[in-house]
Amino acid sequence: MADENINADVVRPLKKTVGDIAYAKKGLKNGELFKLLVESSRILVTHDGDFADQNKYPAHKTQGVVLIKIDPALDETILKALTGLFHKLPLEDFENKLVVLDVDGFTVE
């Protein structure tokens, strides 16, 4: 599931790699988005650093959270990093995890 802060120019080509990607409804508060994430059994892709707070948004209750920490947040750079991530890490390895993605790679927490 792509948070509203993920550009469509990243999501459209990523669908070729990952398949079904849904957009989170615009205007959802983080708590509402987290509840939807838990209920939908999807992986969240977001720029929102609030989701790193594992006390407030525990990834272990989700299919996984990918937190993009790439600055500057250029679509080409983000797409390349996400494509590489999804090629290297099988979808089942995201389950219950927070994955922090940056230009140098990723860490799984």
N, C-alpha and C. Protein backbone atom coordinates (compact mmCIF):
# COMPACT_ATOMS: atom_id res chain seq x y z
N MET A 1 0.85 -1.16 0.00
CA MET A 1 0.00 0.00 0.00
C MET A 1 0.90 1.24 0.00
N ALA A 2 0.65 2.11 -0.91
CA ALA A 2 1.43 3.34 -1.01
C ALA A 2 0.75 4.45 -0.22
N ASP A 3 1.50 5.04 0.69
CA ASP A 3 0.99 6.19 1.44
C ASP A 3 0.77 7.33 0.45
N GLU A 4 -0.06 8.29 0.83
CA GLU A 4 -0.35 9.39 -0.07
C GLU A 4 0.88 10.22 -0.40
N ASN A 5 1.95 10.07 0.38
CA ASN A 5 3.17 10.84 0.13
C ASN A 5 4.10 10.17 -0.89
N ILE A 6 3.67 9.08 -1.47
CA ILE A 6 4.46 8.40 -2.50
C ILE A 6 3.90 8.82 -3.87
N ASN A 7 4.76 9.37 -4.70
CA ASN A 7 4.37 9.90 -6.00
C ASN A 7 3.90 8.78 -6.93
N ALA A 8 2.87 9.07 -7.71
CA ALA A 8 2.33 8.10 -8.69
C ALA A 8 3.39 7.69 -9.70
N ASP A 9 4.36 8.57 -9.99
CA ASP A 9 5.44 8.23 -10.92
C ASP A 9 6.36 7.15 -10.36
N VAL A 10 6.28 6.89 -9.08
CA VAL A 10 7.01 5.80 -8.45
C VAL A 10 6.14 4.54 -8.43
N VAL A 11 4.87 4.72 -8.09
CA VAL A 11 3.96 3.58 -7.92
C VAL A 11 3.68 2.86 -9.24
N ARG A 12 3.39 3.62 -10.30
CA ARG A 12 3.02 2.98 -11.58
C ARG A 12 4.08 1.99 -12.07
N PRO A 13 5.34 2.38 -12.20
CA PRO A 13 6.33 1.40 -12.67
C PRO A 13 6.64 0.31 -11.63
N LEU A 14 6.44 0.62 -10.36
CA LEU A 14 6.69 -0.38 -9.32
C LEU A 14 5.69 -1.52 -9.40
N LYS A 15 4.51 -1.24 -9.92
CA LYS A 15 3.49 -2.30 -10.08
C LYS A 15 4.00 -3.43 -10.96
N LYS A 16 4.90 -3.13 -11.90
CA LYS A 16 5.46 -4.17 -12.76
C LYS A 16 6.35 -5.12 -11.97
N THR A 17 6.96 -4.62 -10.92
CA THR A 17 7.85 -5.43 -10.09
C THR A 17 7.08 -6.17 -9.01
N VAL A 18 6.20 -5.45 -8.32
CA VAL A 18 5.53 -5.98 -7.14
C VAL A 18 4.14 -6.53 -7.44
N GLY A 19 3.47 -5.94 -8.40
CA GLY A 19 2.11 -6.36 -8.71
C GLY A 19 1.11 -5.40 -8.11
N ASP A 20 0.15 -5.92 -7.40
CA ASP A 20 -0.96 -5.15 -6.86
C ASP A 20 -0.49 -4.16 -5.79
N ILE A 21 -0.60 -2.88 -6.10
CA ILE A 21 -0.28 -1.84 -5.12
C ILE A 21 -1.50 -0.93 -5.01
N ALA A 22 -1.99 -0.78 -3.80
CA ALA A 22 -3.13 0.11 -3.55
C ALA A 22 -2.61 1.41 -2.97
N TYR A 23 -3.31 2.48 -3.26
CA TYR A 23 -3.00 3.78 -2.66
C TYR A 23 -3.84 3.94 -1.41
N ALA A 24 -3.23 4.45 -0.35
CA ALA A 24 -3.99 4.80 0.84
C ALA A 24 -4.86 6.01 0.51
N LYS A 25 -6.02 6.04 1.04
CA LYS A 25 -6.94 7.14 0.82
C LYS A 25 -6.32 8.45 1.32
N LYS A 26 -6.40 9.48 0.51
CA LYS A 26 -5.84 10.78 0.90
C LYS A 26 -6.55 11.32 2.14
N GLY A 27 -5.75 11.95 2.99
CA GLY A 27 -6.31 12.60 4.16
C GLY A 27 -6.44 11.72 5.39
N LEU A 28 -6.08 10.43 5.27
CA LEU A 28 -6.15 9.56 6.44
C LEU A 28 -5.11 9.98 7.47
N LYS A 29 -5.49 10.01 8.71
CA LYS A 29 -4.54 10.25 9.79
C LYS A 29 -3.72 8.97 9.95
N ASN A 30 -2.53 9.10 10.52
CA ASN A 30 -1.64 7.94 10.64
C ASN A 30 -2.28 6.78 11.39
N GLY A 31 -3.04 7.08 12.44
CA GLY A 31 -3.71 6.02 13.19
C GLY A 31 -4.71 5.26 12.33
N GLU A 32 -5.45 5.99 11.51
CA GLU A 32 -6.42 5.37 10.61
C GLU A 32 -5.71 4.55 9.54
N LEU A 33 -4.62 5.09 9.02
CA LEU A 33 -3.84 4.37 8.02
C LEU A 33 -3.27 3.09 8.61
N PHE A 34 -2.77 3.16 9.83
CA PHE A 34 -2.21 1.98 10.47
C PHE A 34 -3.29 0.91 10.67
N LYS A 35 -4.47 1.32 11.11
CA LYS A 35 -5.56 0.36 11.28
C LYS A 35 -5.91 -0.31 9.95
N LEU A 36 -5.99 0.50 8.89
CA LEU A 36 -6.26 -0.04 7.55
C LEU A 36 -5.16 -0.99 7.11
N LEU A 37 -3.93 -0.64 7.41
CA LEU A 37 -2.78 -1.48 7.07
C LEU A 37 -2.89 -2.84 7.73
N VAL A 38 -3.20 -2.86 9.00
CA VAL A 38 -3.34 -4.12 9.74
C VAL A 38 -4.47 -4.96 9.16
N GLU A 39 -5.60 -4.32 8.87
CA GLU A 39 -6.77 -5.03 8.36
C GLU A 39 -6.58 -5.52 6.93
N SER A 40 -5.79 -4.81 6.14
CA SER A 40 -5.67 -5.14 4.72
C SER A 40 -4.59 -6.17 4.41
N SER A 41 -3.73 -6.44 5.37
CA SER A 41 -2.62 -7.39 5.16
C SER A 41 -1.74 -6.97 3.98
N ARG A 42 -1.42 -5.69 3.93
CA ARG A 42 -0.54 -5.15 2.89
C ARG A 42 0.71 -4.57 3.53
N ILE A 43 1.74 -4.41 2.71
CA ILE A 43 2.96 -3.75 3.12
C ILE A 43 2.77 -2.25 2.86
N LEU A 44 3.13 -1.42 3.83
CA LEU A 44 3.05 0.02 3.65
C LEU A 44 4.38 0.56 3.15
N VAL A 45 4.33 1.41 2.13
CA VAL A 45 5.50 2.13 1.63
C VAL A 45 5.24 3.60 1.91
N THR A 46 6.14 4.24 2.67
CA THR A 46 5.89 5.61 3.11
C THR A 46 7.18 6.39 3.30
N HIS A 47 7.05 7.71 3.26
CA HIS A 47 8.14 8.62 3.63
C HIS A 47 7.96 9.08 5.08
N ASP A 48 6.83 8.79 5.68
CA ASP A 48 6.45 9.33 6.97
C ASP A 48 7.23 8.66 8.11
N GLY A 49 8.17 9.41 8.67
CA GLY A 49 9.02 8.89 9.73
C GLY A 49 8.28 8.52 11.01
N ASP A 50 7.02 8.96 11.15
CA ASP A 50 6.24 8.57 12.33
C ASP A 50 6.10 7.06 12.42
N PHE A 51 6.11 6.37 11.28
CA PHE A 51 5.93 4.92 11.29
C PHE A 51 7.16 4.17 11.80
N ALA A 52 8.24 4.89 12.07
CA ALA A 52 9.41 4.28 12.70
C ALA A 52 9.18 4.09 14.20
N ASP A 53 8.18 4.77 14.75
CA ASP A 53 7.86 4.67 16.17
C ASP A 53 7.13 3.34 16.42
N GLN A 54 7.89 2.35 16.85
CA GLN A 54 7.34 1.00 17.01
C GLN A 54 6.44 0.86 18.22
N ASN A 55 6.44 1.82 19.11
CA ASN A 55 5.48 1.81 20.22
C ASN A 55 4.10 2.25 19.74
N LYS A 56 4.10 3.22 18.85
CA LYS A 56 2.84 3.77 18.34
C LYS A 56 2.32 2.99 17.14
N TYR A 57 3.22 2.57 16.26
CA TYR A 57 2.86 1.85 15.03
C TYR A 57 3.70 0.58 14.91
N PRO A 58 3.38 -0.44 15.71
CA PRO A 58 4.22 -1.64 15.74
C PRO A 58 4.15 -2.46 14.44
N ALA A 59 5.27 -2.53 13.76
CA ALA A 59 5.34 -3.26 12.49
C ALA A 59 5.02 -4.73 12.68
N HIS A 60 5.24 -5.27 13.87
CA HIS A 60 4.97 -6.69 14.10
C HIS A 60 3.49 -7.04 13.98
N LYS A 61 2.63 -6.04 13.90
CA LYS A 61 1.19 -6.29 13.70
C LYS A 61 0.80 -6.18 12.23
N THR A 62 1.78 -5.97 11.35
CA THR A 62 1.50 -5.71 9.94
C THR A 62 2.21 -6.72 9.04
N GLN A 63 1.94 -6.60 7.75
CA GLN A 63 2.68 -7.35 6.74
C GLN A 63 4.04 -6.70 6.48
N GLY A 64 4.24 -5.54 7.08
CA GLY A 64 5.52 -4.86 6.95
C GLY A 64 5.35 -3.39 6.62
N VAL A 65 6.38 -2.62 6.98
CA VAL A 65 6.41 -1.20 6.70
C VAL A 65 7.75 -0.89 6.06
N VAL A 66 7.73 -0.22 4.91
CA VAL A 66 8.95 0.25 4.26
C VAL A 66 8.99 1.76 4.44
N LEU A 67 9.96 2.22 5.21
CA LEU A 67 10.15 3.63 5.45
C LEU A 67 11.26 4.13 4.54
N ILE A 68 10.92 5.03 3.64
CA ILE A 68 11.89 5.58 2.69
C ILE A 68 12.56 6.79 3.31
N LYS A 69 13.88 6.68 3.46
CA LYS A 69 14.66 7.79 4.02
C LYS A 69 15.71 8.20 3.00
N ILE A 70 15.23 8.69 1.88
CA ILE A 70 16.10 9.11 0.79
C ILE A 70 15.94 10.62 0.61
N ASP A 71 17.06 11.31 0.71
CA ASP A 71 17.05 12.77 0.59
C ASP A 71 18.19 13.20 -0.30
N PRO A 72 17.92 13.89 -1.39
CA PRO A 72 16.61 14.40 -1.79
C PRO A 72 15.72 13.28 -2.32
N ALA A 73 14.43 13.44 -2.14
CA ALA A 73 13.44 12.43 -2.50
C ALA A 73 13.09 12.51 -3.98
N LEU A 74 14.04 12.16 -4.83
CA LEU A 74 13.82 12.17 -6.27
C LEU A 74 13.15 10.87 -6.70
N ASP A 75 12.12 10.98 -7.54
CA ASP A 75 11.36 9.80 -7.95
C ASP A 75 12.26 8.72 -8.53
N GLU A 76 13.19 9.07 -9.40
CA GLU A 76 14.07 8.08 -10.03
C GLU A 76 14.88 7.32 -8.99
N THR A 77 15.42 8.03 -8.02
CA THR A 77 16.23 7.42 -6.97
C THR A 77 15.39 6.49 -6.11
N ILE A 78 14.19 6.95 -5.76
CA ILE A 78 13.29 6.15 -4.92
C ILE A 78 12.85 4.90 -5.67
N LEU A 79 12.47 5.04 -6.92
CA LEU A 79 12.05 3.89 -7.71
C LEU A 79 13.17 2.86 -7.83
N LYS A 80 14.38 3.31 -8.11
CA LYS A 80 15.52 2.40 -8.22
C LYS A 80 15.75 1.67 -6.89
N ALA A 81 15.69 2.40 -5.78
CA ALA A 81 15.91 1.79 -4.46
C ALA A 81 14.80 0.79 -4.12
N LEU A 82 13.54 1.14 -4.39
CA LEU A 82 12.43 0.23 -4.09
C LEU A 82 12.48 -1.01 -4.98
N THR A 83 12.78 -0.83 -6.25
CA THR A 83 12.88 -1.98 -7.16
C THR A 83 13.98 -2.91 -6.69
N GLY A 84 15.11 -2.36 -6.32
CA GLY A 84 16.20 -3.19 -5.81
C GLY A 84 15.81 -3.92 -4.53
N LEU A 85 15.11 -3.22 -3.65
CA LEU A 85 14.66 -3.83 -2.39
C LEU A 85 13.74 -5.02 -2.66
N PHE A 86 12.75 -4.83 -3.52
CA PHE A 86 11.78 -5.90 -3.78
C PHE A 86 12.39 -7.05 -4.57
N HIS A 87 13.50 -6.82 -5.28
CA HIS A 87 14.20 -7.91 -5.95
C HIS A 87 15.06 -8.70 -4.96
N LYS A 88 15.61 -8.03 -3.97
CA LYS A 88 16.52 -8.67 -3.02
C LYS A 88 15.80 -9.36 -1.86
N LEU A 89 14.67 -8.81 -1.47
CA LEU A 89 13.97 -9.31 -0.28
C LEU A 89 12.62 -9.88 -0.68
N PRO A 90 12.41 -11.19 -0.50
CA PRO A 90 11.11 -11.78 -0.83
C PRO A 90 10.00 -11.14 0.02
N LEU A 91 8.81 -11.04 -0.52
CA LEU A 91 7.70 -10.39 0.17
C LEU A 91 7.45 -10.96 1.56
N GLU A 92 7.61 -12.26 1.72
CA GLU A 92 7.35 -12.87 3.03
C GLU A 92 8.37 -12.40 4.09
N ASP A 93 9.52 -11.91 3.66
CA ASP A 93 10.53 -11.42 4.60
C ASP A 93 10.20 -10.02 5.13
N PHE A 94 9.18 -9.37 4.59
CA PHE A 94 8.75 -8.07 5.10
C PHE A 94 7.81 -8.22 6.30
N GLU A 95 7.17 -9.39 6.40
CA GLU A 95 6.14 -9.60 7.39
C GLU A 95 6.63 -9.29 8.80
N ASN A 96 5.86 -8.43 9.49
CA ASN A 96 6.13 -8.04 10.88
C ASN A 96 7.39 -7.20 11.04
N LYS A 97 7.91 -6.63 9.95
CA LYS A 97 9.18 -5.91 10.01
C LYS A 97 9.03 -4.46 9.57
N LEU A 98 9.93 -3.64 10.11
CA LEU A 98 10.13 -2.29 9.62
C LEU A 98 11.39 -2.33 8.78
N VAL A 99 11.27 -1.95 7.52
CA VAL A 99 12.41 -1.91 6.61
C VAL A 99 12.70 -0.45 6.32
N VAL A 100 13.91 -0.02 6.65
CA VAL A 100 14.30 1.36 6.40
C VAL A 100 15.17 1.38 5.16
N LEU A 101 14.72 2.13 4.17
CA LEU A 101 15.36 2.17 2.86
C LEU A 101 16.06 3.51 2.67
N ASP A 102 17.34 3.45 2.29
CA ASP A 102 18.06 4.67 1.94
C ASP A 102 18.84 4.42 0.67
N VAL A 103 19.60 5.41 0.21
CA VAL A 103 20.31 5.27 -1.07
C VAL A 103 21.38 4.20 -1.04
N ASP A 104 21.85 3.85 0.14
CA ASP A 104 22.91 2.84 0.27
C ASP A 104 22.39 1.42 0.45
N GLY A 105 21.09 1.27 0.58
CA GLY A 105 20.53 -0.06 0.76
C GLY A 105 19.37 -0.02 1.77
N PHE A 106 19.27 -1.06 2.59
CA PHE A 106 18.17 -1.13 3.53
C PHE A 106 18.59 -1.87 4.79
N THR A 107 17.86 -1.60 5.87
CA THR A 107 18.03 -2.36 7.10
C THR A 107 16.66 -2.89 7.49
N VAL A 108 16.66 -4.06 8.08
CA VAL A 108 15.42 -4.70 8.53
C VAL A 108 15.42 -4.68 10.05
N GLU A 109 14.40 -4.10 10.60
CA GLU A 109 14.31 -4.00 12.07
C GLU A 109 13.13 -4.80 12.58
